[in-house]
Amino acid sequence: MAANSDRGAGRATKFIFVTGGVLSSLGKGLASASIGALLEARGLRVSFLKLDPYLNVDPGTMNPFQHGEVYVTEDGAETDLDLGHYERFTRATMSRINNVTAGKVYETVINKERHGEYLGGTVQVIPHVTDEIKRRIHQAAESGVDLLLVEVGGTVGDIESLPFLEAIRQFRADVGRENVLYAHVALVPYVAAAGELKTKPVQHSVKELRAVGISPDVILCRTDRFLSRSVKQKIALFCNVDEDAVITAKDVESIYEVPLVLHDEGVDEKIAKLLNIWTARPDLEKWQDLLERIKNPERTVTIAMVGKYVDLTESYKSLNEALHHAGFAHRSRVVIEYIDSEKLADPAQLAHVDGILVPHGFGSRGVEGKIVAVRYARERGIPYFGICFGLQMAVIEFARHVAGLAGANSTEVDPDTPYPVIDLMPEQRGVTDKGATMRLGAWPCVLRKGSKAHAAYGREQISERHRHRYEVNPELRDQLSRAGLVFSGVSPDGRLVEVVELEDHPWFVACQYHPEFKSRPFAPHPLFSAFVQAVIAHQGAR
C-alpha cells in the first residue's frame, strides 16, 4: 500500500491507549515504544503520552529505589523513565506535556476551583478530573501527529487508576470509535508443574477492564514462549477479541528485538486495519541490522559502574542503554558490572575491568568509594567517564591528590570543607527553595578545540540536558587548572564548567550534564562512543 501523503492535513489524530493488568512491570512502556516504532516505520508521525496515577506532581523528588530513573526532557521536565523508551525507539521528542501525573491533574483542578472557574459548583472526579485528563490528552496531540500512543501507568484494578480509565473510556465517544484503539498488556504465565500456559490471569485482567467499560481491541500477552494457536483461540474466545488480535509479547534477550517480534506477530498490520489507516509496508531494515550487531559482537568489554543505586539498575536505565548503544556501533558487547560505592574500599576490586564509569547521584552516601574508583582510573590509565556527580567526584579527587588541596570536597557532602571545589554558585547560596537552584533541561556548552571532548563531538557548540544543583566552584578553578585539570567545556559566558578532562591520560573525561538522555540505538552519543572505543583500545593493550 502506498503511504498517505496528505495525512495530517485536515485528518483526525488516531489514539492508542495502552493499559496493563495482573501485575506491574510487564513492559507497557516498551510495548508502546515498539508499536510506535513499527507505525513510524510505516511512514506515520507518532508521539506519546504517559499517564501516571501517583499523586506526586512529578518524579523529581521520588526515591530512585522506588521509582527508578528520572528522565529529563529538553525543556527541563523531570519525567517517568518510559519517556526515554519513547525517544530511543522513535524520532519523537518528548516535553513536559508528554507526562501527566494524578498530582498534576488534581493540582490543576484545585487551582481552578480556588479561582472560581467552576462557578461555585461541586467539584467531582466526573466530570472535572476526567475532563482535565482528556484536555491533557488532546494537548499532547496538538502537534498534528498521525498517532498518539497513551500509556496508562499502574495496573487495572488499582484505585488510583480509575479516573484515568474512566477518562479514556469517555474518549472514544468524544472523538469517534474509528479514531481510538485499546491495547491491553497482561501476563500469560507458564506453570512448570502443570506443563502448560495459563490464560486465567489475562481473562481476569480483561474482566476488570471491561468492568469499567473498556473492551480491549488488541491483547499483548507477556510470556516466555510463543503462544500456540489453540491458546490464542482460547484467549480470543473468552476475552471477545479477534484471534489475530491476540499478540505474543515474548521475553527477548534485547529490548531492541521487541519491535521485530511484535511485527512478526502482526500487531502493526492489525492496528492499521482496526484504525483504518492506509500506510506503506514497514521499513525495518535498520532494526534488523541493529539486531544482527547485537547478536553477533566481535568482542566483549567490561565496564564498572560505581554508584549507590546498583541494587536497582532501573535507576541507571538511560546510562545502561547508552553504553549498549556505543557497544553496538563498535560491534562490541558491553558488560556492565555494578559496584556499590559504599562497599568499595580496596581498588583491587577494579583490577579486572576495562573501563570505569561513575554516574549521577545526590547526597553524601558512597562518596568516598566513588573517589577511590576515580583515583584508580586516573593513576592506572584506565578509561574513565564521569557523569554529573561523576564529574564532581573527579574534580574532588584531583584537588585532593594532585592539586594538594587536602580535605577538598563538595559542600553538599561536607559544608565545612576547607576547599569547596564543588559548591552552589554564589547567587544561589542561602536560597532555601532547593527547587530554585536546580539546573534542568538543555543548556549550551562551548568545547575547547583539540580536547578529547571536541574530538568526540566534532564541533565546538553543543547542547545537553542537565539535572543537578552544585557546580565546580569558580573561585578555585585557577588552582585546579594550574595543577593540570583541563576545563574543556564551559557555558558560553565561561562561568559554568561542563566538561573536564586530563591531557596525559588515555581517556579521562567527565561531564556535568547527562549525555545518556540523547543517545539512540542507531545514533550513539559521541561521548559514550568515544569512551567505549577507548575501553576497547585499553583492553587490547593489556
Protein backbone atom coordinates (compact mmCIF):
# COMPACT_ATOMS: atom_id res chain seq x y z
CA MET A 1 0.00 0.00 0.00
CA ALA A 2 1.21 3.50 -0.75
CA ALA A 3 1.84 5.87 2.13
CA ASN A 4 -0.83 8.51 2.54
CA SER A 5 1.00 11.70 1.61
CA ASP A 6 -1.59 14.10 2.98
CA ARG A 7 -2.14 12.61 6.44
CA GLY A 8 -2.37 15.36 8.99
CA ALA A 9 -3.93 17.81 6.52
CA GLY A 10 -7.40 18.01 7.99
CA ARG A 11 -7.21 14.39 9.20
CA ALA A 12 -8.04 13.45 12.80
CA THR A 13 -5.28 12.14 15.04
CA LYS A 14 -5.72 8.47 15.96
CA PHE A 15 -5.25 7.35 19.57
CA ILE A 16 -3.98 4.07 21.03
CA PHE A 17 -4.49 3.61 24.77
CA VAL A 18 -2.19 1.04 26.38
CA THR A 19 -3.23 -0.46 29.72
CA GLY A 20 -1.78 -3.24 31.85
CA GLY A 21 -3.16 -5.94 34.07
CA VAL A 22 -2.26 -8.73 36.53
CA LEU A 23 0.91 -7.09 37.83
CA SER A 24 3.23 -4.14 37.25
CA SER A 25 6.48 -4.11 35.24
CA LEU A 26 5.03 -6.10 32.35
CA GLY A 27 6.59 -3.72 29.83
CA LYS A 28 3.77 -1.37 28.82
CA GLY A 29 6.37 1.32 28.10
CA LEU A 30 8.40 -0.92 25.82
CA ALA A 31 5.25 -2.19 24.14
CA SER A 32 4.11 1.39 23.49
CA ALA A 33 7.55 2.42 22.20
CA SER A 34 7.76 -0.65 19.96
CA ILE A 35 4.29 -0.13 18.47
CA GLY A 36 5.27 3.49 17.88
CA ALA A 37 8.46 2.37 16.13
CA LEU A 38 6.55 -0.01 13.86
CA LEU A 39 3.96 2.58 12.88
CA GLU A 40 6.70 5.16 12.33
CA ALA A 41 8.41 2.62 10.06
CA ARG A 42 5.16 2.60 8.07
CA GLY A 43 5.52 6.33 7.42
CA LEU A 44 3.33 7.71 10.22
CA ARG A 45 4.26 10.54 12.58
CA VAL A 46 3.83 9.36 16.16
CA SER A 47 4.03 10.81 19.64
CA PHE A 48 3.40 9.56 23.17
CA LEU A 49 1.79 10.44 26.48
CA LYS A 50 2.42 8.72 29.81
CA LEU A 51 -0.38 8.95 32.37
CA ASP A 52 0.91 8.18 35.88
CA PRO A 53 -1.70 7.60 38.61
CA TYR A 54 0.52 8.53 41.58
CA LEU A 55 -0.19 11.77 43.46
CA ASN A 56 3.33 13.15 43.18
CA VAL A 57 3.38 16.13 40.83
CA ASP A 58 6.43 14.62 39.10
CA PRO A 59 9.06 12.01 39.97
CA GLY A 60 11.75 14.64 40.63
CA THR A 61 11.72 14.16 44.41
CA MET A 62 10.97 10.43 44.43
CA ASN A 63 13.43 7.86 45.75
CA PRO A 64 15.28 6.15 42.85
CA PHE A 65 14.88 2.82 44.64
CA GLN A 66 11.08 3.25 44.40
CA HIS A 67 10.71 4.93 41.06
CA GLY A 68 13.84 4.19 39.07
CA GLU A 69 15.42 6.75 36.79
CA VAL A 70 14.12 10.29 36.45
CA TYR A 71 14.19 11.10 32.75
CA VAL A 72 14.81 14.75 31.77
CA THR A 73 13.40 16.30 28.61
CA GLU A 74 14.84 19.12 26.52
CA ASP A 75 12.55 21.65 28.21
CA GLY A 76 13.65 20.57 31.69
CA ALA A 77 10.74 18.39 32.78
CA GLU A 78 11.50 15.60 35.25
CA THR A 79 9.51 12.65 33.95
CA ASP A 80 8.92 8.92 34.04
CA LEU A 81 11.66 6.70 32.58
CA ASP A 82 9.27 5.37 29.90
CA LEU A 83 9.70 8.67 28.05
CA GLY A 84 13.27 7.54 27.49
CA HIS A 85 11.99 4.42 25.71
CA TYR A 86 9.74 6.57 23.54
CA GLU A 87 12.63 8.80 22.44
CA ARG A 88 15.07 5.93 21.92
CA PHE A 89 12.68 3.89 19.75
CA THR A 90 11.29 6.70 17.59
CA ARG A 91 12.04 10.18 16.26
CA ALA A 92 9.56 11.74 18.70
CA THR A 93 10.89 14.40 21.07
CA MET A 94 9.28 14.45 24.50
CA SER A 95 8.48 17.52 26.60
CA ARG A 96 6.64 18.36 29.81
CA ILE A 97 3.27 17.83 28.11
CA ASN A 98 4.12 14.16 27.47
CA ASN A 99 3.98 13.05 31.12
CA VAL A 100 0.87 13.69 33.20
CA THR A 101 0.54 12.57 36.81
CA ALA A 102 -2.52 12.45 39.04
CA GLY A 103 -0.72 15.07 41.13
CA LYS A 104 -0.62 17.48 38.18
CA VAL A 105 -4.25 16.81 37.32
CA TYR A 106 -5.59 17.35 40.85
CA GLU A 107 -3.34 20.39 41.32
CA THR A 108 -4.84 21.98 38.21
CA VAL A 109 -8.42 21.12 39.18
CA ILE A 110 -7.98 22.51 42.71
CA ASN A 111 -6.37 25.70 41.41
CA LYS A 112 -9.29 26.20 39.01
CA GLU A 113 -11.73 25.72 41.87
CA ARG A 114 -9.85 28.26 44.03
CA HIS A 115 -10.04 30.78 41.17
CA GLY A 116 -13.78 30.27 40.77
CA GLU A 117 -13.62 28.70 37.33
CA TYR A 118 -16.28 26.14 38.25
CA LEU A 119 -18.69 28.94 39.24
CA GLY A 120 -19.21 27.60 42.72
CA GLY A 121 -20.31 24.15 41.60
CA THR A 122 -19.40 20.94 43.39
CA VAL A 123 -16.07 19.70 42.05
CA GLN A 124 -16.12 15.97 41.31
CA VAL A 125 -13.97 13.27 39.73
CA ILE A 126 -16.55 13.09 36.93
CA PRO A 127 -16.60 15.39 35.05
CA HIS A 128 -13.93 17.74 36.38
CA VAL A 129 -10.98 15.39 36.90
CA THR A 130 -11.77 13.28 33.85
CA ASP A 131 -12.21 16.41 31.72
CA GLU A 132 -8.78 17.64 32.80
CA ILE A 133 -7.23 14.28 31.89
CA LYS A 134 -8.88 14.42 28.45
CA ARG A 135 -7.69 18.00 27.98
CA ARG A 136 -4.14 16.84 28.61
CA ILE A 137 -4.54 14.04 26.05
CA HIS A 138 -5.75 16.50 23.41
CA GLN A 139 -2.89 18.85 24.30
CA ALA A 140 -0.33 16.12 23.61
CA ALA A 141 -1.89 15.60 20.17
CA GLU A 142 -1.89 19.27 19.20
CA SER A 143 1.38 18.95 17.27
CA GLY A 144 -0.62 17.33 14.47
CA VAL A 145 0.75 13.80 14.79
CA ASP A 146 -0.93 10.95 12.96
CA LEU A 147 -0.99 8.77 16.05
CA LEU A 148 -0.74 9.41 19.79
CA LEU A 149 0.10 6.41 21.98
CA VAL A 150 -1.17 6.94 25.53
CA GLU A 151 0.24 4.63 28.19
CA VAL A 152 -1.79 4.39 31.40
CA GLY A 153 0.53 3.60 34.32
CA GLY A 154 -0.29 1.19 37.10
CA THR A 155 -2.44 -1.92 36.89
CA VAL A 156 -6.11 -2.25 36.02
CA GLY A 157 -7.96 -2.63 39.33
CA ASP A 158 -5.80 -0.12 41.21
CA ILE A 159 -7.97 2.54 42.83
CA GLU A 160 -5.57 5.29 41.68
CA SER A 161 -6.08 4.35 38.01
CA LEU A 162 -9.87 4.61 37.98
CA PRO A 163 -10.15 8.31 36.93
CA PHE A 164 -7.71 7.71 34.08
CA LEU A 165 -9.54 4.62 32.86
CA GLU A 166 -12.85 6.48 33.01
CA ALA A 167 -11.32 9.35 31.01
CA ILE A 168 -10.05 7.07 28.25
CA ARG A 169 -13.38 5.24 28.23
CA GLN A 170 -15.14 8.53 27.54
CA PHE A 171 -12.52 9.49 24.95
CA ARG A 172 -13.75 7.02 22.33
CA ALA A 173 -17.23 8.58 22.41
CA ASP A 174 -15.71 12.07 22.20
CA VAL A 175 -13.52 11.55 19.12
CA GLY A 176 -15.22 8.63 17.39
CA ARG A 177 -14.80 4.87 17.57
CA GLU A 178 -12.77 4.83 14.36
CA ASN A 179 -10.11 7.00 15.97
CA VAL A 180 -9.47 5.03 19.19
CA LEU A 181 -7.92 1.63 19.88
CA TYR A 182 -7.42 -0.03 23.27
CA ALA A 183 -4.39 -2.32 23.69
CA HIS A 184 -4.08 -4.32 26.89
CA VAL A 185 -0.87 -5.92 28.20
CA ALA A 186 -1.38 -8.91 30.52
CA LEU A 187 0.55 -11.91 31.82
CA VAL A 188 0.21 -15.43 30.44
CA PRO A 189 2.45 -17.46 32.80
CA TYR A 190 3.87 -20.90 32.15
CA VAL A 191 3.26 -23.19 35.13
CA ALA A 192 6.02 -25.80 35.12
CA ALA A 193 4.22 -28.18 37.47
CA ALA A 194 1.27 -28.34 35.08
CA GLY A 195 3.41 -28.12 31.97
CA GLU A 196 1.19 -25.53 30.33
CA LEU A 197 0.47 -21.86 29.82
CA LYS A 198 -2.32 -20.46 31.98
CA THR A 199 -4.74 -17.98 30.43
CA LYS A 200 -6.84 -17.31 33.52
CA PRO A 201 -4.77 -14.24 34.62
CA VAL A 202 -5.35 -12.47 31.29
CA GLN A 203 -9.04 -13.42 31.38
CA HIS A 204 -9.46 -11.88 34.84
CA SER A 205 -7.47 -8.82 33.80
CA VAL A 206 -9.71 -8.22 30.79
CA LYS A 207 -12.77 -8.80 33.01
CA GLU A 208 -11.51 -5.99 35.31
CA LEU A 209 -11.02 -3.72 32.31
CA ARG A 210 -14.47 -4.46 30.92
CA ALA A 211 -15.96 -3.74 34.34
CA VAL A 212 -15.01 -0.07 33.87
CA GLY A 213 -16.48 -0.02 30.37
CA ILE A 214 -13.40 -0.69 28.21
CA SER A 215 -13.15 -3.71 25.92
CA PRO A 216 -9.64 -4.19 24.54
CA ASP A 217 -9.21 -4.39 20.77
CA VAL A 218 -5.73 -5.93 20.98
CA ILE A 219 -4.25 -8.07 23.77
CA LEU A 220 -0.47 -8.25 24.19
CA CYS A 221 0.31 -11.44 26.11
CA ARG A 222 3.53 -11.16 28.09
CA THR A 223 5.02 -14.65 28.26
CA ASP A 224 8.27 -16.56 27.99
CA ARG A 225 7.33 -18.53 24.87
CA PHE A 226 5.30 -18.11 21.72
CA LEU A 227 1.62 -18.85 22.15
CA SER A 228 0.16 -21.74 20.21
CA ARG A 229 -2.87 -21.18 18.03
CA SER A 230 -5.05 -23.08 20.50
CA VAL A 231 -4.00 -20.77 23.34
CA LYS A 232 -4.69 -17.71 21.20
CA GLN A 233 -8.07 -19.08 20.24
CA LYS A 234 -8.95 -19.62 23.90
CA ILE A 235 -7.93 -16.07 24.87
CA ALA A 236 -9.81 -14.64 21.88
CA LEU A 237 -12.95 -16.58 22.82
CA PHE A 238 -13.02 -15.63 26.49
CA CYS A 239 -11.83 -12.03 26.00
CA ASN A 240 -14.04 -11.26 22.99
CA VAL A 241 -11.31 -10.22 20.55
CA ASP A 242 -10.26 -11.46 17.12
CA GLU A 243 -7.78 -14.32 17.14
CA ASP A 244 -5.25 -12.24 15.20
CA ALA A 245 -5.58 -9.54 17.88
CA VAL A 246 -4.02 -11.86 20.46
CA ILE A 247 -0.32 -10.98 20.23
CA THR A 248 2.59 -12.83 21.81
CA ALA A 249 4.78 -10.32 23.65
CA LYS A 250 7.56 -12.82 24.24
CA ASP A 251 10.54 -12.28 26.52
CA VAL A 252 13.64 -11.43 24.46
CA GLU A 253 17.37 -11.05 25.12
CA SER A 254 17.45 -7.42 23.98
CA ILE A 255 14.70 -4.83 24.24
CA TYR A 256 15.56 -3.80 20.65
CA GLU A 257 14.21 -7.14 19.44
CA VAL A 258 10.69 -6.30 20.68
CA PRO A 259 9.56 -4.34 17.58
CA LEU A 260 10.57 -7.21 15.30
CA VAL A 261 8.83 -9.82 17.48
CA LEU A 262 5.63 -7.76 17.58
CA HIS A 263 5.82 -7.17 13.82
CA ASP A 264 6.16 -10.90 13.19
CA GLU A 265 3.05 -11.35 15.33
CA GLY A 266 1.22 -8.89 13.07
CA VAL A 267 0.47 -6.17 15.61
CA ASP A 268 1.14 -3.20 13.32
CA GLU A 269 -0.93 -4.68 10.49
CA LYS A 270 -3.82 -5.36 12.89
CA ILE A 271 -3.67 -1.84 14.35
CA ALA A 272 -3.61 -0.25 10.89
CA LYS A 273 -6.65 -2.35 9.92
CA LEU A 274 -8.63 -1.59 13.09
CA LEU A 275 -7.92 2.15 12.87
CA ASN A 276 -8.47 2.17 9.10
CA ILE A 277 -5.05 3.70 8.42
CA TRP A 278 -3.56 3.36 4.94
CA THR A 279 0.21 3.12 5.24
CA ALA A 280 3.29 1.88 3.44
CA ARG A 281 4.73 -1.51 4.30
CA PRO A 282 7.12 -1.06 7.25
CA ASP A 283 10.79 -0.46 6.52
CA LEU A 284 12.51 -2.42 9.29
CA GLU A 285 15.96 -2.75 7.74
CA LYS A 286 17.66 -0.62 10.39
CA TRP A 287 16.09 -2.70 13.18
CA GLN A 288 17.23 -5.92 11.52
CA ASP A 289 20.77 -4.57 11.11
CA LEU A 290 20.79 -3.47 14.76
CA LEU A 291 19.69 -6.92 15.92
CA GLU A 292 22.43 -8.53 13.83
CA ARG A 293 25.03 -6.33 15.55
CA ILE A 294 23.59 -7.16 18.98
CA LYS A 295 23.61 -10.92 18.40
CA ASN A 296 27.00 -11.14 16.67
CA PRO A 297 29.51 -8.98 18.61
CA GLU A 298 33.19 -9.18 17.77
CA ARG A 299 34.35 -8.76 21.36
CA THR A 300 33.17 -8.29 24.95
CA VAL A 301 34.33 -5.47 27.23
CA THR A 302 33.60 -4.98 30.92
CA ILE A 303 32.82 -1.57 32.38
CA ALA A 304 32.48 -0.97 36.12
CA MET A 305 29.63 1.36 37.06
CA VAL A 306 30.46 2.59 40.55
CA GLY A 307 27.34 4.05 42.17
CA LYS A 308 24.98 3.80 45.11
CA TYR A 309 21.79 2.68 43.33
CA VAL A 310 23.29 -0.54 41.99
CA ASP A 311 20.70 -2.74 43.72
CA LEU A 312 18.10 -1.30 41.34
CA THR A 313 19.67 -0.90 37.92
CA GLU A 314 16.47 0.79 36.61
CA SER A 315 17.91 3.87 38.35
CA TYR A 316 20.55 3.95 35.61
CA LYS A 317 18.30 2.89 32.71
CA SER A 318 19.38 5.52 30.16
CA LEU A 319 23.03 5.10 31.16
CA ASN A 320 22.85 1.36 30.62
CA GLU A 321 21.24 1.80 27.22
CA ALA A 322 23.73 4.48 26.14
CA LEU A 323 26.63 2.14 26.92
CA HIS A 324 24.96 -0.62 24.92
CA HIS A 325 24.32 1.78 22.01
CA ALA A 326 28.03 2.58 21.87
CA GLY A 327 28.80 -1.12 22.00
CA PHE A 328 26.50 -1.78 19.03
CA ALA A 329 28.32 0.88 16.99
CA HIS A 330 31.68 -0.77 17.72
CA ARG A 331 30.32 -4.31 17.31
CA SER A 332 31.06 -4.98 20.95
CA ARG A 333 29.10 -6.48 23.79
CA VAL A 334 29.29 -4.20 26.82
CA VAL A 335 29.02 -5.99 30.15
CA ILE A 336 28.20 -3.59 32.97
CA GLU A 337 29.47 -4.62 36.37
CA TYR A 338 27.63 -2.72 39.10
CA ILE A 339 29.78 -1.90 42.11
CA ASP A 340 28.32 -0.47 45.30
CA SER A 341 30.36 2.64 46.08
CA GLU A 342 29.52 2.30 49.79
CA LYS A 343 31.40 -1.01 49.86
CA LEU A 344 34.33 -0.03 47.64
CA ALA A 345 37.42 0.49 49.79
CA ASP A 346 40.00 -1.68 48.03
CA PRO A 347 40.65 -0.56 44.43
CA ALA A 348 41.83 -4.10 43.64
CA GLN A 349 38.13 -4.84 43.09
CA LEU A 350 38.50 -2.89 39.85
CA ALA A 351 41.64 -4.63 38.56
CA HIS A 352 39.81 -6.79 36.02
CA VAL A 353 37.63 -4.16 34.34
CA ASP A 354 38.34 -2.42 31.03
CA GLY A 355 36.76 0.92 31.93
CA ILE A 356 35.21 2.79 34.87
CA LEU A 357 32.12 4.97 34.91
CA VAL A 358 30.89 6.98 37.92
CA PRO A 359 27.27 8.06 37.36
CA HIS A 360 24.94 10.69 38.75
CA GLY A 361 23.66 10.80 42.32
CA PHE A 362 22.70 13.08 45.18
CA GLY A 363 23.86 13.24 48.80
CA SER A 364 26.91 12.11 50.72
CA ARG A 365 26.36 8.35 50.81
CA GLY A 366 29.00 6.36 48.92
CA VAL A 367 31.13 9.38 48.00
CA GLU A 368 34.48 8.06 49.24
CA GLY A 369 34.06 4.83 47.29
CA LYS A 370 33.49 6.82 44.12
CA ILE A 371 36.64 8.83 44.79
CA VAL A 372 38.58 5.56 45.23
CA ALA A 373 37.36 4.50 41.77
CA VAL A 374 38.31 7.85 40.19
CA ARG A 375 41.81 7.74 41.67
CA TYR A 376 42.36 4.18 40.49
CA ALA A 377 41.31 5.07 36.94
CA ARG A 378 43.49 8.19 36.90
CA GLU A 379 46.62 6.55 38.28
CA ARG A 380 46.34 3.28 36.30
CA GLY A 381 45.46 4.84 32.95
CA ILE A 382 42.07 3.11 32.80
CA PRO A 383 39.46 4.86 30.63
CA TYR A 384 37.22 6.92 32.92
CA PHE A 385 33.88 8.53 32.25
CA GLY A 386 32.22 10.70 34.90
CA ILE A 387 28.64 11.87 34.52
CA CYS A 388 27.15 14.70 36.60
CA PHE A 389 28.13 13.63 40.15
CA GLY A 390 30.90 11.66 38.43
CA LEU A 391 32.42 14.94 37.23
CA GLN A 392 32.25 16.36 40.74
CA MET A 393 33.96 13.27 42.16
CA ALA A 394 36.70 13.59 39.53
CA VAL A 395 37.30 17.23 40.48
CA ILE A 396 37.41 16.40 44.20
CA GLU A 397 39.82 13.51 43.67
CA PHE A 398 42.12 15.65 41.51
CA ALA A 399 42.01 18.51 44.01
CA ARG A 400 42.99 16.24 46.90
CA HIS A 401 45.65 14.07 45.30
CA VAL A 402 47.13 16.23 42.53
CA ALA A 403 46.45 19.88 43.35
CA GLY A 404 47.37 19.41 47.03
CA LEU A 405 44.06 20.73 48.40
CA ALA A 406 43.77 18.39 51.36
CA GLY A 407 40.21 17.88 52.53
CA ALA A 408 38.71 19.23 49.30
CA ASN A 409 35.07 18.28 48.91
CA SER A 410 31.62 19.37 47.83
CA THR A 411 29.60 21.48 50.23
CA GLU A 412 26.73 19.09 49.53
CA VAL A 413 28.81 16.39 51.23
CA ASP A 414 30.80 18.48 53.75
CA PRO A 415 29.54 22.03 54.36
CA ASP A 416 32.72 22.78 56.37
CA THR A 417 35.30 21.60 53.82
CA PRO A 418 38.38 23.88 53.69
CA TYR A 419 38.38 23.69 49.88
CA PRO A 420 34.83 23.68 48.48
CA VAL A 421 35.78 22.79 44.91
CA ILE A 422 32.12 21.88 44.31
CA ASP A 423 29.58 24.37 45.60
CA LEU A 424 26.42 26.27 44.81
CA MET A 425 27.03 29.29 42.63
CA PRO A 426 27.45 32.49 44.71
CA GLU A 427 23.99 33.83 43.83
CA GLN A 428 22.36 30.55 44.94
CA ARG A 429 23.97 30.22 48.35
CA GLY A 430 21.45 30.76 51.08
CA VAL A 431 18.44 30.14 48.83
CA THR A 432 16.04 28.00 50.87
CA ASP A 433 13.92 26.79 47.93
CA LYS A 434 16.12 23.98 46.64
CA GLY A 435 13.99 23.60 43.52
CA ALA A 436 15.02 27.11 42.52
CA THR A 437 18.69 26.09 42.48
CA MET A 438 18.29 23.08 40.21
CA ARG A 439 19.70 23.35 36.68
CA LEU A 440 17.35 21.39 34.43
CA GLY A 441 16.94 20.72 30.72
CA ALA A 442 19.01 21.74 27.71
CA TRP A 443 21.90 24.19 28.22
CA PRO A 444 24.53 25.26 25.66
CA CYS A 445 28.22 24.45 26.00
CA VAL A 446 31.37 25.53 24.18
CA LEU A 447 34.12 22.92 23.74
CA ARG A 448 37.84 23.65 23.61
CA LYS A 449 39.42 22.83 20.27
CA GLY A 450 41.94 20.00 20.49
CA SER A 451 40.32 18.45 23.55
CA LYS A 452 39.07 14.86 23.77
CA ALA A 453 35.51 16.17 24.10
CA HIS A 454 35.86 18.27 20.95
CA ALA A 455 37.29 15.27 19.10
CA ALA A 456 34.33 13.15 20.16
CA TYR A 457 31.66 15.65 19.11
CA GLY A 458 33.45 17.02 16.07
CA ARG A 459 32.17 20.54 16.77
CA GLU A 460 32.57 23.43 19.18
CA GLN A 461 28.98 24.29 20.09
CA ILE A 462 26.78 21.66 21.73
CA SER A 463 23.61 21.49 23.83
CA GLU A 464 22.98 18.88 26.51
CA ARG A 465 20.41 18.10 29.20
CA HIS A 466 21.11 18.78 32.87
CA ARG A 467 19.74 17.75 36.25
CA HIS A 468 21.90 18.96 39.12
CA ARG A 469 22.33 21.69 41.67
CA TYR A 470 26.04 22.02 42.52
CA GLU A 471 28.77 23.33 40.20
CA VAL A 472 32.56 23.49 40.02
CA ASN A 473 33.47 26.43 42.26
CA PRO A 474 34.70 29.31 40.03
CA GLU A 475 36.78 30.63 42.94
CA LEU A 476 39.05 27.55 42.87
CA ARG A 477 39.19 26.86 39.15
CA ASP A 478 42.54 28.62 38.60
CA GLN A 479 44.28 26.44 41.21
CA LEU A 480 42.92 23.28 39.64
CA SER A 481 43.82 24.44 36.14
CA ARG A 482 47.40 25.22 37.16
CA ALA A 483 47.69 21.69 38.54
CA GLY A 484 46.70 20.23 35.17
CA LEU A 485 42.93 19.77 35.19
CA VAL A 486 41.58 20.76 31.77
CA PHE A 487 38.25 22.58 31.66
CA SER A 488 37.43 21.56 28.10
CA GLY A 489 33.76 22.52 28.11
CA VAL A 490 32.17 25.63 29.62
CA SER A 491 28.96 27.64 29.30
CA PRO A 492 29.06 30.37 26.63
CA ASP A 493 29.73 33.02 29.30
CA GLY A 494 32.54 30.88 30.78
CA ARG A 495 31.04 30.76 34.29
CA LEU A 496 29.84 27.15 34.42
CA VAL A 497 32.08 24.13 33.94
CA GLU A 498 30.52 21.48 31.71
CA VAL A 499 33.43 19.14 30.84
CA VAL A 500 36.76 18.33 32.49
CA GLU A 501 39.50 16.02 31.26
CA LEU A 502 43.17 15.08 31.63
CA GLU A 503 45.65 15.50 28.80
CA ASP A 504 48.21 12.92 29.96
CA HIS A 505 45.71 10.08 30.23
CA PRO A 506 44.42 7.66 27.53
CA TRP A 507 40.80 8.79 28.09
CA PHE A 508 39.68 10.61 31.22
CA VAL A 509 36.60 12.75 30.56
CA ALA A 510 33.77 13.86 32.84
CA CYS A 511 30.74 15.99 32.05
CA GLN A 512 28.33 17.88 34.29
CA TYR A 513 25.36 17.13 32.05
CA HIS A 514 23.55 13.86 31.21
CA PRO A 515 24.59 12.78 27.70
CA GLU A 516 22.76 9.46 28.10
CA PHE A 517 19.41 11.20 27.53
CA LYS A 518 20.35 11.96 23.91
CA SER A 519 21.79 8.57 22.98
CA ARG A 520 19.90 6.42 20.48
CA PRO A 521 20.44 2.80 19.36
CA PHE A 522 21.03 3.97 15.78
CA ALA A 523 22.99 7.09 16.82
CA PRO A 524 25.03 6.51 19.99
CA HIS A 525 26.04 9.61 21.91
CA PRO A 526 29.51 10.85 20.85
CA LEU A 527 30.97 10.72 24.37
CA PHE A 528 29.74 7.19 25.01
CA SER A 529 31.03 6.09 21.63
CA ALA A 530 34.47 7.63 22.32
CA PHE A 531 34.54 6.09 25.80
CA VAL A 532 33.75 2.57 24.57
CA GLN A 533 36.30 2.99 21.78
CA ALA A 534 38.92 3.88 24.43
CA VAL A 535 37.81 0.91 26.53
CA ILE A 536 38.31 -1.42 23.54
CA ALA A 537 41.78 0.04 22.94
CA HIS A 538 42.70 -0.36 26.62
CA GLN A 539 41.57 -3.97 26.59
CA GLY A 540 43.67 -4.64 23.50
CA ALA A 541 46.75 -3.08 25.10
CA ARG A 542 46.58 -5.07 28.33
